Protein backbone atom coordinates (compact mmCIF):
# COMPACT_ATOMS: atom_id res chain seq x y z
CA UNK A 1 119.25 148.92 100.25
CA UNK A 2 117.04 145.95 101.04
CA UNK A 3 117.61 144.78 97.36
CA UNK A 4 121.36 144.65 98.07
CA UNK A 5 120.91 142.65 101.21
CA UNK A 6 118.36 140.27 99.53
CA UNK A 7 121.26 139.42 96.98
CA UNK A 8 123.96 138.80 99.31
CA UNK A 9 125.33 135.27 98.87
CA UNK A 10 124.24 134.23 102.55
CA UNK A 11 120.62 135.43 101.76
CA UNK A 12 120.49 133.57 98.48
CA UNK A 13 121.94 130.35 99.85
CA UNK A 14 119.31 130.64 102.88
CA UNK A 15 116.44 130.94 100.34
CA UNK A 16 117.75 128.20 98.41
CA UNK A 17 118.02 125.76 101.37
CA UNK A 18 114.42 127.00 102.42
CA UNK A 19 113.07 126.04 99.23
CA UNK A 20 114.68 122.65 99.21
CA UNK A 21 113.61 121.93 102.90
CA UNK A 22 109.94 122.77 101.81
CA UNK A 23 110.18 120.41 99.07
CA UNK A 24 111.66 117.47 101.32
CA UNK A 25 108.59 118.25 103.48
CA UNK A 26 106.27 117.87 100.88
CA UNK A 27 107.81 114.66 99.66
CA UNK A 28 107.86 113.16 103.00
CA UNK A 29 104.44 113.99 103.71
CA UNK A 30 103.27 112.24 100.64
CA UNK A 31 105.42 109.20 101.36
CA UNK A 32 104.06 108.95 104.93
CA UNK A 33 100.18 109.16 103.36
CA UNK A 34 101.39 106.23 100.88
CA UNK A 35 102.85 104.22 103.65
CA UNK A 36 99.83 104.47 105.72
CA UNK A 37 97.69 103.72 102.67
CA UNK A 38 99.59 100.49 102.00
CA UNK A 39 99.53 99.35 105.70
CA UNK A 40 95.61 100.06 105.64
CA UNK A 41 95.09 98.23 102.38
CA UNK A 42 97.05 95.18 103.63
CA UNK A 43 94.80 95.11 106.73
CA UNK A 44 91.71 95.65 104.61
CA UNK A 45 92.61 92.71 102.06
CA UNK A 46 93.24 90.38 105.13
CA UNK A 47 89.82 91.34 106.77
CA UNK A 48 88.24 91.02 103.41
CA UNK A 49 89.50 87.41 102.98
CA UNK A 50 88.07 86.54 106.31
CA UNK A 51 84.88 87.86 105.28
CA UNK A 52 84.83 85.80 102.07
CA UNK A 53 85.89 82.78 103.76
CA UNK A 54 82.94 82.88 106.15
CA UNK A 55 80.51 84.16 103.65
CA UNK A 56 81.33 81.80 100.52
CA UNK A 57 83.28 79.07 102.00
CA UNK A 58 81.25 78.93 105.28
CA UNK A 59 84.25 78.92 107.50
CA UNK A 60 83.10 79.71 111.15
CA UNK A 61 85.00 82.66 112.22
CA UNK A 62 85.38 82.97 115.88
CA UNK A 63 85.70 86.57 117.64
CA UNK A 64 88.99 85.53 118.91
CA UNK A 65 90.23 85.15 115.34
CA UNK A 66 89.13 88.71 114.58
CA UNK A 67 90.80 90.35 117.70
CA UNK A 68 94.30 90.81 116.27
CA UNK A 69 92.68 92.40 113.15
CA UNK A 70 90.53 94.67 115.39
CA UNK A 71 93.47 95.65 117.56
CA UNK A 72 95.42 96.49 114.39
CA UNK A 73 92.44 98.51 113.04
CA UNK A 74 92.37 100.37 115.92
CA UNK A 75 95.70 101.84 115.44
CA UNK A 76 95.49 102.14 111.58
CA UNK A 77 91.79 103.44 111.42
CA UNK A 78 89.57 104.01 114.51
CA UNK A 79 87.50 102.28 117.05
CA UNK A 80 84.46 102.17 114.70
CA UNK A 81 86.48 100.03 112.21
CA UNK A 82 87.78 97.71 114.88
CA UNK A 83 84.22 97.32 116.08
CA UNK A 84 82.99 96.47 112.67
CA UNK A 85 85.66 93.96 112.11
CA UNK A 86 84.72 92.33 115.27
CA UNK A 87 81.03 92.19 114.21
CA UNK A 88 82.05 89.79 111.27
CA UNK A 89 81.78 86.99 113.71
CA UNK A 90 77.97 87.74 114.03
CA UNK A 91 77.39 88.74 110.54
CA UNK A 92 74.58 86.35 109.25
CA UNK A 93 73.49 87.56 105.97
CA UNK A 94 73.22 84.77 103.26
CA UNK A 95 74.46 86.93 100.52
CA UNK A 96 77.79 88.64 100.44
CA UNK A 97 77.17 92.41 101.07
CA UNK A 98 80.42 93.99 100.33
CA UNK A 99 78.89 97.34 100.85
CA UNK A 100 78.31 96.48 104.48
CA UNK A 101 81.98 95.26 104.80
CA UNK A 102 83.32 98.32 102.95
CA UNK A 103 81.23 101.28 104.46
CA UNK A 104 83.61 101.98 107.64
CA UNK A 105 86.90 101.57 105.56
CA UNK A 106 85.71 104.03 102.68
CA UNK A 107 86.73 107.21 104.58
CA UNK A 108 90.29 105.98 105.17
CA UNK A 109 91.06 104.28 101.82
CA UNK A 110 91.70 107.40 99.51
CA UNK A 111 95.30 108.93 98.98
CA UNK A 112 94.81 112.64 99.33
């Protein structure tokens, strides 16, 4: 009967292997998401530091300085975030508007 076949040693072993494989897949998926979050967070904090230096310390930030950050953002986020990073050089508000800086990053900075 089908119950006898289900309880055969090879079937039981195959089911156990399938369960472990599924669990490993879930763990690997979570680990990849965590690693991506950490890479994004690292870039975000470096961009935040540049923005802070520009707005508070009044350092002049040239577009050429922002280019490596934008290139990295193009891979870790998308083109919209890369363009936003490049626009920091032209940001001219006197007050520090953290919402302006954070807006394009919000969508990506959650661990799901």
